[in-house]
C-alpha atoms as a PDB file:
ATOM      1  CA  MET A   1       0.004   0.031  -0.003  1.00  0.00           C
ATOM      2  CA  ASN A   2       1.406   3.530  -0.919  1.00  0.00           C
ATOM      3  CA  LYS A   3       1.663   5.650   2.265  1.00  0.00           C
ATOM      4  CA  ASN A   4       2.734   8.735   0.449  1.00  0.00           C
ATOM      5  CA  LYS A   5       0.717  11.871   1.156  1.00  0.00           C
ATOM      6  CA  ARG A   6       2.785  14.082  -0.952  1.00  0.00           C
ATOM      7  CA  TYR A   7       5.736  14.418  -3.467  1.00  0.00           C
ATOM      8  CA  PHE A   8       8.653  16.659  -3.197  1.00  0.00           C
ATOM      9  CA  VAL A   9      10.706  16.921  -6.416  1.00  0.00           C
ATOM     10  CA  VAL A  10      14.135  18.434  -6.115  1.00  0.00           C
ATOM     11  CA  GLU A  11      16.954  19.051  -8.487  1.00  0.00           C
ATOM     12  CA  GLY A  12      19.741  17.211  -6.859  1.00  0.00           C
ATOM     13  CA  GLN A  13      21.068  14.974  -4.054  1.00  0.00           C
ATOM     14  CA  ASP A  14      22.331  17.967  -2.240  1.00  0.00           C
ATOM     15  CA  ASP A  15      18.841  19.395  -2.197  1.00  0.00           C
ATOM     16  CA  GLU A  16      17.419  16.181  -0.777  1.00  0.00           C
ATOM     17  CA  PHE A  17      20.017  16.188   1.913  1.00  0.00           C
ATOM     18  CA  ILE A  18      18.947  19.885   2.876  1.00  0.00           C
ATOM     19  CA  LEU A  19      15.311  18.910   3.007  1.00  0.00           C
ATOM     20  CA  ARG A  20      15.896  15.804   4.993  1.00  0.00           C
ATOM     21  CA  SER A  21      17.953  17.791   7.527  1.00  0.00           C
ATOM     22  CA  LEU A  22      15.520  20.624   7.840  1.00  0.00           C
ATOM     23  CA  LEU A  23      12.042  18.920   7.901  1.00  0.00           C
ATOM     24  CA  PRO A  24      10.657  16.985  10.764  1.00  0.00           C
ATOM     25  CA  GLN A  25      10.682  13.272  10.448  1.00  0.00           C
ATOM     26  CA  GLU A  26       6.841  13.348  10.943  1.00  0.00           C
ATOM     27  CA  LEU A  27       6.617  15.022   7.630  1.00  0.00           C
ATOM     28  CA  LEU A  28       9.188  13.030   5.701  1.00  0.00           C
ATOM     29  CA  GLN A  29       7.787   9.653   6.727  1.00  0.00           C
ATOM     30  CA  ASP A  30       4.852   9.968   4.438  1.00  0.00           C
ATOM     31  CA  THR A  31       6.655  12.058   1.732  1.00  0.00           C
ATOM     32  CA  LYS A  32       8.297  10.562  -1.301  1.00  0.00           C
ATOM     33  CA  ILE A  33      11.313  12.871  -2.309  1.00  0.00           C
ATOM     34  CA  ILE A  34      12.429  12.414  -5.776  1.00  0.00           C
ATOM     35  CA  VAL A  35      15.728  13.501  -6.957  1.00  0.00           C
ATOM     36  CA  ALA A  36      15.246  14.511 -10.655  1.00  0.00           C
ATOM     37  CA  GLY A  37      18.773  15.295 -11.628  1.00  0.00           C
ATOM     38  CA  GLY A  38      18.610  18.861 -12.680  1.00  0.00           C
ATOM     39  CA  TYR A  39      16.222  21.811 -13.319  1.00  0.00           C
ATOM     40  CA  SER A  40      14.721  20.574 -16.467  1.00  0.00           C
ATOM     41  CA  ALA A  41      14.467  17.072 -15.198  1.00  0.00           C
ATOM     42  CA  ALA A  42      12.625  18.203 -12.080  1.00  0.00           C
ATOM     43  CA  LEU A  43      10.094  20.200 -14.197  1.00  0.00           C
ATOM     44  CA  SER A  44       9.406  16.940 -16.407  1.00  0.00           C
ATOM     45  CA  VAL A  45       8.953  14.797 -13.369  1.00  0.00           C
ATOM     46  CA  ALA A  46       6.597  17.207 -11.688  1.00  0.00           C
ATOM     47  CA  GLN A  47       4.643  17.336 -14.970  1.00  0.00           C
ATOM     48  CA  THR A  48       4.430  13.560 -15.187  1.00  0.00           C
ATOM     49  CA  LEU A  49       3.351  13.387 -11.599  1.00  0.00           C
ATOM     50  CA  LEU A  50       0.531  15.834 -12.198  1.00  0.00           C
ATOM     51  CA  THR A  51      -0.956  13.206 -14.642  1.00  0.00           C
ATOM     52  CA  LEU A  52      -0.510  10.256 -12.437  1.00  0.00           C
ATOM     53  CA  THR A  53      -1.502  11.190  -8.901  1.00  0.00           C
ATOM     54  CA  PRO A  54      -3.931  13.486  -6.983  1.00  0.00           C
ATOM     55  CA  LEU A  55      -1.494  14.013  -4.302  1.00  0.00           C
ATOM     56  CA  PRO A  56       0.177  17.446  -3.624  1.00  0.00           C
ATOM     57  CA  ILE A  57       3.498  17.973  -5.644  1.00  0.00           C
ATOM     58  CA  VAL A  58       6.015  20.503  -4.360  1.00  0.00           C
ATOM     59  CA  ILE A  59       8.944  21.334  -6.584  1.00  0.00           C
ATOM     60  CA  PHE A  60      12.087  22.782  -4.864  1.00  0.00           C
ATOM     61  CA  PHE A  61      14.417  24.871  -6.946  1.00  0.00           C
ATOM     62  CA  ASP A  62      17.421  26.847  -6.227  1.00  0.00           C
ATOM     63  CA  THR A  63      18.722  29.633  -8.359  1.00  0.00           C
ATOM     64  CA  ASP A  64      22.546  28.220  -8.744  1.00  0.00           C
ATOM     65  CA  THR A  65      23.729  31.977  -8.302  1.00  0.00           C
ATOM     66  CA  PHE A  66      24.291  34.756  -5.698  1.00  0.00           C
ATOM     67  CA  SER A  67      23.499  37.436  -8.123  1.00  0.00           C
ATOM     68  CA  GLU A  68      20.583  39.534  -6.960  1.00  0.00           C
ATOM     69  CA  LYS A  69      19.921  40.377 -10.643  1.00  0.00           C
ATOM     70  CA  GLU A  70      19.851  36.765 -11.748  1.00  0.00           C
ATOM     71  CA  ILE A  71      17.757  35.794  -8.761  1.00  0.00           C
ATOM     72  CA  GLU A  72      15.078  38.368  -9.608  1.00  0.00           C
ATOM     73  CA  GLU A  73      14.983  37.294 -13.193  1.00  0.00           C
ATOM     74  CA  LYS A  74      14.450  33.682 -12.194  1.00  0.00           C
ATOM     75  CA  LYS A  75      11.684  34.763  -9.581  1.00  0.00           C
ATOM     76  CA  ALA A  76       9.918  36.857 -12.355  1.00  0.00           C
ATOM     77  CA  ILE A  77       9.605  33.712 -14.616  1.00  0.00           C
ATOM     78  CA  TYR A  78       7.895  31.741 -12.017  1.00  0.00           C
END
């Protein structure tokens, strides 16, 4: 039986490590974290999940930059 209540999609293993370090175990025990292998792959995985499950899907992205200008540009896109 599938015990997942939600899906978290992350770009890479470092992102998964950060989430597992920050979030409470009670939340993680019924959450499936999917490491997609990059930005585009994470978008693709999330789009596929939307067609396969009614469960909530959260996508975690980082900006891969410290440039305020680039961060603002990326925020404007999404």
